[in-house]
Amino acid sequence: MSHHDVNRKQTTKPETSNSDSRKADNNELDNDDRHPSRTNLVHRLSVALDDELANNLGHDQDQQARRVIARRKTFTVHHLKELFENEFGARLVDYGKTTASIVRQFCNEIPMTDDTPFYIVNLSHYARQYLQWLHFLGRIHPLYAVKCNPNGFIVRIIAEMGGGFDCASAEELDLVRATCGVDFDYATRIIFAHPCKSVSHIKRFREAGVQMTVVDNEDELKKLKEHWPEAKVSHFFDFLRSH
């Protein structure tokens, strides 16, 4: 699935450039965890002939492409197709299409007079990452840190997959509430993960039905005892801190 919007710049990974080297890997084919390989892999030309090396590199790329496509199909997210298309206006694209070909397709559909920038997002990536987490770490319930990318469509996808959220502020909580609605289980799928909480934010989380939070010092415990006595508290330990 791809999702495009305006007012964002498209960014790409920098390419490796050496007069005596060749790039042996494709930046778009770097999601295979079972057979990890470095991107922008460089081979020296001290021994191999140019033609022989080029043939070997092409073979390596073909093998890696097949592995990545097979891995992606292992964690299919077709059950989210309706969500992606109806709520996000996303479009289904083939696995084999490159980012460049997708961008070119969208550019061909835009009038020549429209110079508004846009960006493209692979929505399926977020869902597949969540499925991989469940597959390899099934006993650990993930709570997505909203602050790392506070975007509504990411929150919506993770919520649809059954995930929870690490909110460090009332603003992040508001984003989750606006995206997930009143039927969301705030008691078990939200944690107020700020080590130094203001009383006003404590009240906001408590009123929303959130029950979990964290502390890393005695003063926070005293604050919770006064303003949030029923909270379920986890403790941050810093084993490297000297006392």
C-alpha atoms as a PDB file:
ATOM      1  CA  MET A   1       0.000   0.000   0.000  1.00  0.00           C
ATOM      2  CA  SER A   2       1.191   3.525  -0.714  1.00  0.00           C
ATOM      3  CA  HIS A   3      -0.061   6.757   0.724  1.00  0.00           C
ATOM      4  CA  HIS A   4       0.821  10.197  -0.618  1.00  0.00           C
ATOM      5  CA  ASP A   5       0.315  13.674   0.758  1.00  0.00           C
ATOM      6  CA  VAL A   6       1.577  17.194   0.217  1.00  0.00           C
ATOM      7  CA  ASN A   7       4.134  19.511   1.798  1.00  0.00           C
ATOM      8  CA  ARG A   8       6.742  16.827   2.471  1.00  0.00           C
ATOM      9  CA  LYS A   9      10.038  16.176   0.735  1.00  0.00           C
ATOM     10  CA  GLN A  10      10.917  12.774  -0.681  1.00  0.00           C
ATOM     11  CA  THR A  11      14.217  11.581   0.747  1.00  0.00           C
ATOM     12  CA  THR A  12      16.482   8.744  -0.301  1.00  0.00           C
ATOM     13  CA  LYS A  13      19.522   7.037   1.112  1.00  0.00           C
ATOM     14  CA  PRO A  14      22.877   8.396  -0.108  1.00  0.00           C
ATOM     15  CA  GLU A  15      24.612   6.243  -2.672  1.00  0.00           C
ATOM     16  CA  THR A  16      28.199   5.031  -2.305  1.00  0.00           C
ATOM     17  CA  SER A  17      30.547   6.321  -4.965  1.00  0.00           C
ATOM     18  CA  ASN A  18      34.154   5.104  -5.455  1.00  0.00           C
ATOM     19  CA  SER A  19      36.234   5.044  -8.614  1.00  0.00           C
ATOM     20  CA  ASP A  20      37.509   1.554  -7.776  1.00  0.00           C
ATOM     21  CA  SER A  21      34.316   0.045  -6.416  1.00  0.00           C
ATOM     22  CA  ARG A  22      30.821  -1.051  -7.370  1.00  0.00           C
ATOM     23  CA  LYS A  23      27.592  -0.851  -5.389  1.00  0.00           C
ATOM     24  CA  ALA A  24      26.445  -4.442  -4.866  1.00  0.00           C
ATOM     25  CA  ASP A  25      23.202  -3.969  -3.001  1.00  0.00           C
ATOM     26  CA  ASN A  26      19.879  -2.266  -3.573  1.00  0.00           C
ATOM     27  CA  ASN A  27      18.722   0.167  -0.865  1.00  0.00           C
ATOM     28  CA  GLU A  28      15.125  -0.921  -1.331  1.00  0.00           C
ATOM     29  CA  LEU A  29      15.872  -4.593  -0.633  1.00  0.00           C
ATOM     30  CA  ASP A  30      17.112  -4.397   2.952  1.00  0.00           C
ATOM     31  CA  ASN A  31      14.262  -5.909   4.979  1.00  0.00           C
ATOM     32  CA  ASP A  32      15.360  -9.566   5.117  1.00  0.00           C
ATOM     33  CA  ASP A  33      16.072 -10.487   8.755  1.00  0.00           C
ATOM     34  CA  ARG A  34      16.797 -14.180   8.114  1.00  0.00           C
ATOM     35  CA  HIS A  35      19.654 -13.434   5.692  1.00  0.00           C
ATOM     36  CA  PRO A  36      20.902  -9.976   6.720  1.00  0.00           C
ATOM     37  CA  SER A  37      23.122  -8.119   4.292  1.00  0.00           C
ATOM     38  CA  ARG A  38      24.586  -4.659   4.256  1.00  0.00           C
ATOM     39  CA  THR A  39      23.273  -1.985   1.967  1.00  0.00           C
ATOM     40  CA  ASN A  40      25.679  -0.065  -0.265  1.00  0.00           C
ATOM     41  CA  LEU A  41      28.042  -3.059  -0.088  1.00  0.00           C
ATOM     42  CA  VAL A  42      31.317  -2.267  -1.878  1.00  0.00           C
ATOM     43  CA  HIS A  43      33.475  -4.830  -3.737  1.00  0.00           C
ATOM     44  CA  ARG A  44      37.085  -4.015  -4.624  1.00  0.00           C
ATOM     45  CA  LEU A  45      38.174  -4.513  -8.258  1.00  0.00           C
ATOM     46  CA  SER A  46      41.702  -5.622  -7.437  1.00  0.00           C
ATOM     47  CA  VAL A  47      41.271  -9.150  -8.845  1.00  0.00           C
ATOM     48  CA  ALA A  48      37.925  -9.685 -10.593  1.00  0.00           C
ATOM     49  CA  LEU A  49      37.347  -8.437 -14.113  1.00  0.00           C
ATOM     50  CA  ASP A  50      34.654  -5.848 -14.647  1.00  0.00           C
ATOM     51  CA  ASP A  51      32.337  -8.146 -16.625  1.00  0.00           C
ATOM     52  CA  GLU A  52      32.722 -11.041 -14.195  1.00  0.00           C
ATOM     53  CA  LEU A  53      32.055  -8.795 -11.203  1.00  0.00           C
ATOM     54  CA  ALA A  54      29.017  -7.221 -12.821  1.00  0.00           C
ATOM     55  CA  ASN A  55      27.520 -10.657 -13.471  1.00  0.00           C
ATOM     56  CA  ASN A  56      28.118 -11.716  -9.869  1.00  0.00           C
ATOM     57  CA  LEU A  57      26.562  -8.549  -8.488  1.00  0.00           C
ATOM     58  CA  GLY A  58      23.473  -8.967 -10.650  1.00  0.00           C
ATOM     59  CA  HIS A  59      23.081 -12.544  -9.409  1.00  0.00           C
ATOM     60  CA  ASP A  60      23.392 -11.398  -5.779  1.00  0.00           C
ATOM     61  CA  GLN A  61      20.738  -8.731  -6.310  1.00  0.00           C
ATOM     62  CA  ASP A  62      18.322 -11.216  -7.879  1.00  0.00           C
ATOM     63  CA  GLN A  63      18.702 -13.603  -4.945  1.00  0.00           C
ATOM     64  CA  GLN A  64      18.212 -10.847  -2.397  1.00  0.00           C
ATOM     65  CA  ALA A  65      15.147  -9.514  -4.207  1.00  0.00           C
ATOM     66  CA  ARG A  66      13.530 -12.958  -4.158  1.00  0.00           C
ATOM     67  CA  ARG A  67      14.263 -13.357  -0.438  1.00  0.00           C
ATOM     68  CA  VAL A  68      12.769  -9.971   0.419  1.00  0.00           C
ATOM     69  CA  ILE A  69       9.621 -10.588  -1.621  1.00  0.00           C
ATOM     70  CA  ALA A  70       9.165 -14.023  -0.030  1.00  0.00           C
ATOM     71  CA  ARG A  71       9.638 -12.550   3.447  1.00  0.00           C
ATOM     72  CA  ARG A  72       7.093  -9.801   2.824  1.00  0.00           C
ATOM     73  CA  LYS A  73       4.531 -12.330   1.646  1.00  0.00           C
ATOM     74  CA  THR A  74       5.075 -14.302   4.866  1.00  0.00           C
ATOM     75  CA  PHE A  75       3.614 -11.419   6.865  1.00  0.00           C
ATOM     76  CA  THR A  76       0.669 -10.464   4.657  1.00  0.00           C
ATOM     77  CA  VAL A  77      -1.605  -7.583   5.616  1.00  0.00           C
ATOM     78  CA  HIS A  78      -4.379  -7.985   3.067  1.00  0.00           C
ATOM     79  CA  HIS A  79      -6.943  -7.866   5.878  1.00  0.00           C
ATOM     80  CA  LEU A  80      -6.101  -4.146   6.214  1.00  0.00           C
ATOM     81  CA  LYS A  81      -6.789  -3.387   2.545  1.00  0.00           C
ATOM     82  CA  GLU A  82     -10.189  -1.839   3.284  1.00  0.00           C
ATOM     83  CA  LEU A  83      -8.730   0.337   6.052  1.00  0.00           C
ATOM     84  CA  PHE A  84      -5.888   1.531   3.848  1.00  0.00           C
ATOM     85  CA  GLU A  85      -8.079   2.328   0.860  1.00  0.00           C
ATOM     86  CA  ASN A  86     -11.187   3.742   2.553  1.00  0.00           C
ATOM     87  CA  GLU A  87      -9.673   5.702   5.448  1.00  0.00           C
ATOM     88  CA  PHE A  88      -6.267   6.685   4.062  1.00  0.00           C
ATOM     89  CA  GLY A  89      -6.973   6.843   0.346  1.00  0.00           C
ATOM     90  CA  ALA A  90      -4.076   4.458  -0.265  1.00  0.00           C
ATOM     91  CA  ARG A  91      -3.511   2.542  -3.468  1.00  0.00           C
ATOM     92  CA  LEU A  92      -2.508  -1.099  -3.884  1.00  0.00           C
ATOM     93  CA  VAL A  93       0.782  -1.643  -5.742  1.00  0.00           C
ATOM     94  CA  ASP A  94       2.621  -4.816  -6.731  1.00  0.00           C
ATOM     95  CA  TYR A  95       5.445  -6.170  -4.561  1.00  0.00           C
ATOM     96  CA  GLY A  96       7.868  -6.014  -7.436  1.00  0.00           C
ATOM     97  CA  LYS A  97       7.470  -2.295  -8.120  1.00  0.00           C
ATOM     98  CA  THR A  98      10.359  -0.050  -7.181  1.00  0.00           C
ATOM     99  CA  THR A  99       9.973   3.229  -5.340  1.00  0.00           C
ATOM    100  CA  ALA A 100      11.128   5.074  -8.446  1.00  0.00           C
ATOM    101  CA  SER A 101       8.428   3.486 -10.615  1.00  0.00           C
ATOM    102  CA  ILE A 102       5.709   4.315  -8.070  1.00  0.00           C
ATOM    103  CA  VAL A 103       6.864   7.935  -7.845  1.00  0.00           C
ATOM    104  CA  ARG A 104       6.951   8.144 -11.629  1.00  0.00           C
ATOM    105  CA  GLN A 105       3.384   6.804 -11.820  1.00  0.00           C
ATOM    106  CA  PHE A 106       2.085   9.416  -9.386  1.00  0.00           C
ATOM    107  CA  CYS A 107       3.980  12.191 -11.179  1.00  0.00           C
ATOM    108  CA  ASN A 108       2.341  11.212 -14.470  1.00  0.00           C
ATOM    109  CA  GLU A 109      -1.093  11.645 -12.858  1.00  0.00           C
ATOM    110  CA  ILE A 110      -0.358  15.160 -11.582  1.00  0.00           C
ATOM    111  CA  PRO A 111      -0.959  18.151 -13.891  1.00  0.00           C
ATOM    112  CA  MET A 112       2.218  19.742 -15.191  1.00  0.00           C
ATOM    113  CA  THR A 113       1.153  23.058 -13.663  1.00  0.00           C
ATOM    114  CA  ASP A 114       0.952  21.599 -10.146  1.00  0.00           C
ATOM    115  CA  ASP A 115       4.317  21.973  -8.396  1.00  0.00           C
ATOM    116  CA  THR A 116       3.075  20.983  -4.911  1.00  0.00           C
ATOM    117  CA  PRO A 117       5.535  18.520  -3.333  1.00  0.00           C
ATOM    118  CA  PHE A 118       4.278  15.164  -2.099  1.00  0.00           C
ATOM    119  CA  TYR A 119       5.608  12.133  -0.256  1.00  0.00           C
ATOM    120  CA  ILE A 120       4.843   8.434  -0.524  1.00  0.00           C
ATOM    121  CA  VAL A 121       4.527   6.051   2.430  1.00  0.00           C
ATOM    122  CA  ASN A 122       4.378   2.260   2.380  1.00  0.00           C
ATOM    123  CA  LEU A 123       1.560   1.673   4.877  1.00  0.00           C
ATOM    124  CA  SER A 124       1.989  -2.091   4.746  1.00  0.00           C
ATOM    125  CA  HIS A 125       5.480  -1.754   6.201  1.00  0.00           C
ATOM    126  CA  TYR A 126       4.169  -0.674   9.620  1.00  0.00           C
ATOM    127  CA  ALA A 127       1.682  -3.523   9.761  1.00  0.00           C
ATOM    128  CA  ARG A 128       4.261  -6.112   8.687  1.00  0.00           C
ATOM    129  CA  GLN A 129       6.703  -4.856  11.302  1.00  0.00           C
ATOM    130  CA  TYR A 130       4.045  -5.356  13.959  1.00  0.00           C
ATOM    131  CA  LEU A 131       3.295  -8.880  12.706  1.00  0.00           C
ATOM    132  CA  GLN A 132       6.993  -9.726  12.816  1.00  0.00           C
ATOM    133  CA  TRP A 133       7.162  -8.488  16.401  1.00  0.00           C
ATOM    134  CA  LEU A 134       4.270 -10.771  17.351  1.00  0.00           C
ATOM    135  CA  HIS A 135       5.897 -13.664  15.536  1.00  0.00           C
ATOM    136  CA  PHE A 136       9.316 -13.397  17.174  1.00  0.00           C
ATOM    137  CA  LEU A 137       8.391 -11.765  20.520  1.00  0.00           C
ATOM    138  CA  GLY A 138       4.838 -12.958  20.980  1.00  0.00           C
ATOM    139  CA  ARG A 139       4.874 -12.789  24.793  1.00  0.00           C
ATOM    140  CA  ILE A 140       5.887  -9.107  24.836  1.00  0.00           C
ATOM    141  CA  HIS A 141       3.054  -6.647  24.164  1.00  0.00           C
ATOM    142  CA  PRO A 142       4.500  -3.670  22.258  1.00  0.00           C
ATOM    143  CA  LEU A 143       3.637  -0.082  23.180  1.00  0.00           C
ATOM    144  CA  TYR A 144       4.539   2.263  20.336  1.00  0.00           C
ATOM    145  CA  ALA A 145       6.333   5.442  21.460  1.00  0.00           C
ATOM    146  CA  VAL A 146       4.135   8.115  19.889  1.00  0.00           C
ATOM    147  CA  LYS A 147       6.840  10.775  20.205  1.00  0.00           C
ATOM    148  CA  CYS A 148       9.086   9.038  17.648  1.00  0.00           C
ATOM    149  CA  ASN A 149       6.560   9.709  14.858  1.00  0.00           C
ATOM    150  CA  PRO A 150       3.289  11.308  16.049  1.00  0.00           C
ATOM    151  CA  ASN A 151       1.345  10.653  12.871  1.00  0.00           C
ATOM    152  CA  GLY A 152      -2.323   9.737  12.980  1.00  0.00           C
ATOM    153  CA  PHE A 153      -2.196   7.040  10.303  1.00  0.00           C
ATOM    154  CA  ILE A 154       0.603   5.190  12.125  1.00  0.00           C
ATOM    155  CA  VAL A 155      -1.403   5.305  15.359  1.00  0.00           C
ATOM    156  CA  ARG A 156      -4.477   4.050  13.500  1.00  0.00           C
ATOM    157  CA  ILE A 157      -2.636   1.101  11.935  1.00  0.00           C
ATOM    158  CA  ILE A 158      -1.038   0.012  15.211  1.00  0.00           C
ATOM    159  CA  ALA A 159      -4.356   0.300  17.029  1.00  0.00           C
ATOM    160  CA  GLU A 160      -6.061  -1.780  14.336  1.00  0.00           C
ATOM    161  CA  MET A 161      -3.376  -4.457  14.766  1.00  0.00           C
ATOM    162  CA  GLY A 162      -4.012  -4.583  18.519  1.00  0.00           C
ATOM    163  CA  GLY A 163      -1.017  -2.578  19.690  1.00  0.00           C
ATOM    164  CA  GLY A 164      -0.750  -0.053  22.496  1.00  0.00           C
ATOM    165  CA  PHE A 165       0.980   3.280  22.962  1.00  0.00           C
ATOM    166  CA  ASP A 166       3.675   4.921  25.032  1.00  0.00           C
ATOM    167  CA  CYS A 167       2.520   8.506  25.570  1.00  0.00           C
ATOM    168  CA  ALA A 168       4.856  11.009  27.232  1.00  0.00           C
ATOM    169  CA  SER A 169       2.561  14.038  27.184  1.00  0.00           C
ATOM    170  CA  ALA A 170      -1.072  15.084  27.166  1.00  0.00           C
ATOM    171  CA  GLU A 171      -0.690  16.107  23.504  1.00  0.00           C
ATOM    172  CA  GLU A 172       0.311  12.574  22.533  1.00  0.00           C
ATOM    173  CA  LEU A 173      -2.595  11.194  24.542  1.00  0.00           C
ATOM    174  CA  ASP A 174      -4.932  13.580  22.698  1.00  0.00           C
ATOM    175  CA  LEU A 175      -3.652  12.261  19.357  1.00  0.00           C
ATOM    176  CA  VAL A 176      -4.381   8.668  20.375  1.00  0.00           C
ATOM    177  CA  ARG A 177      -7.820   9.608  21.693  1.00  0.00           C
ATOM    178  CA  ALA A 178      -8.704  11.521  18.539  1.00  0.00           C
ATOM    179  CA  THR A 179      -7.525   8.624  16.361  1.00  0.00           C
ATOM    180  CA  CYS A 180      -8.777   5.615  18.332  1.00  0.00           C
ATOM    181  CA  GLY A 181     -12.035   6.963  19.791  1.00  0.00           C
ATOM    182  CA  VAL A 182     -13.815   6.304  23.053  1.00  0.00           C
ATOM    183  CA  ASP A 183     -14.001   2.510  22.704  1.00  0.00           C
ATOM    184  CA  PHE A 184     -10.230   2.092  22.901  1.00  0.00           C
ATOM    185  CA  ASP A 185      -8.954   0.234  26.006  1.00  0.00           C
ATOM    186  CA  TYR A 186      -6.925   3.030  27.604  1.00  0.00           C
ATOM    187  CA  ALA A 187      -6.404   1.073  30.814  1.00  0.00           C
ATOM    188  CA  THR A 188      -4.272  -1.681  29.245  1.00  0.00           C
ATOM    189  CA  ARG A 189      -3.047  -0.179  25.962  1.00  0.00           C
ATOM    190  CA  ILE A 190      -1.680   3.203  27.104  1.00  0.00           C
ATOM    191  CA  ILE A 191       1.214   3.949  29.436  1.00  0.00           C
ATOM    192  CA  PHE A 192       2.084   7.450  30.645  1.00  0.00           C
ATOM    193  CA  ALA A 193       5.826   7.084  30.107  1.00  0.00           C
ATOM    194  CA  HIS A 194       7.272  10.374  31.306  1.00  0.00           C
ATOM    195  CA  PRO A 195       9.673  10.218  34.265  1.00  0.00           C
ATOM    196  CA  CYS A 196       8.763  13.715  35.474  1.00  0.00           C
ATOM    197  CA  LYS A 197       5.030  14.339  35.141  1.00  0.00           C
ATOM    198  CA  SER A 198       3.160  17.570  35.723  1.00  0.00           C
ATOM    199  CA  VAL A 199       0.091  17.367  37.941  1.00  0.00           C
ATOM    200  CA  SER A 200      -2.145  18.718  35.180  1.00  0.00           C
ATOM    201  CA  HIS A 201      -1.021  15.935  32.809  1.00  0.00           C
ATOM    202  CA  ILE A 202      -1.508  13.321  35.515  1.00  0.00           C
ATOM    203  CA  LYS A 203      -5.105  14.468  35.834  1.00  0.00           C
ATOM    204  CA  ARG A 204      -5.611  14.276  32.044  1.00  0.00           C
ATOM    205  CA  PHE A 205      -4.342  10.697  31.828  1.00  0.00           C
ATOM    206  CA  ARG A 206      -6.291   9.643  34.895  1.00  0.00           C
ATOM    207  CA  GLU A 207      -9.526  11.112  33.514  1.00  0.00           C
ATOM    208  CA  ALA A 208      -8.948   9.294  30.207  1.00  0.00           C
ATOM    209  CA  GLY A 209      -8.888   5.957  32.016  1.00  0.00           C
ATOM    210  CA  VAL A 210      -5.148   5.315  31.735  1.00  0.00           C
ATOM    211  CA  GLN A 211      -3.831   3.149  34.577  1.00  0.00           C
ATOM    212  CA  MET A 212      -0.147   2.529  33.810  1.00  0.00           C
ATOM    213  CA  THR A 213       2.799   4.855  34.317  1.00  0.00           C
ATOM    214  CA  VAL A 214       6.499   4.856  35.182  1.00  0.00           C
ATOM    215  CA  VAL A 215       8.767   6.471  37.774  1.00  0.00           C
ATOM    216  CA  ASP A 216      12.495   6.656  38.356  1.00  0.00           C
ATOM    217  CA  ASN A 217      12.728   8.597  41.610  1.00  0.00           C
ATOM    218  CA  GLU A 218      11.141   8.918  45.037  1.00  0.00           C
ATOM    219  CA  ASP A 219       9.576  12.327  44.373  1.00  0.00           C
ATOM    220  CA  GLU A 220       7.473  10.911  41.541  1.00  0.00           C
ATOM    221  CA  LEU A 221       6.163   8.195  43.842  1.00  0.00           C
ATOM    222  CA  LYS A 222       5.075  10.822  46.351  1.00  0.00           C
ATOM    223  CA  LYS A 223       3.392  12.803  43.565  1.00  0.00           C
ATOM    224  CA  LEU A 224       1.492   9.737  42.377  1.00  0.00           C
ATOM    225  CA  LYS A 225       0.460   8.835  45.904  1.00  0.00           C
ATOM    226  CA  GLU A 226      -1.209  12.226  46.199  1.00  0.00           C
ATOM    227  CA  HIS A 227      -2.649  12.699  42.707  1.00  0.00           C
ATOM    228  CA  TRP A 228      -2.944   9.175  41.206  1.00  0.00           C
ATOM    229  CA  PRO A 229      -2.932   6.627  44.037  1.00  0.00           C
ATOM    230  CA  GLU A 230      -4.545   3.809  41.998  1.00  0.00           C
ATOM    231  CA  ALA A 231      -1.921   3.966  39.216  1.00  0.00           C
ATOM    232  CA  LYS A 232      -0.051   0.819  38.226  1.00  0.00           C
ATOM    233  CA  VAL A 233       3.588   1.846  38.405  1.00  0.00           C
ATOM    234  CA  SER A 234       6.697   0.476  36.703  1.00  0.00           C
ATOM    235  CA  HIS A 235      10.152   1.560  37.815  1.00  0.00           C
ATOM    236  CA  PHE A 236      13.008   2.686  35.561  1.00  0.00           C
ATOM    237  CA  PHE A 237      16.361   1.317  36.708  1.00  0.00           C
ATOM    238  CA  ASP A 238      19.643   2.843  35.575  1.00  0.00           C
ATOM    239  CA  PHE A 239      22.296   0.291  36.489  1.00  0.00           C
ATOM    240  CA  LEU A 240      25.092   2.441  35.087  1.00  0.00           C
ATOM    241  CA  ARG A 241      24.340   5.467  37.250  1.00  0.00           C
ATOM    242  CA  SER A 242      26.846   5.995  40.055  1.00  0.00           C
ATOM    243  CA  HIS A 243      25.543   6.786  43.552  1.00  0.00           C
END
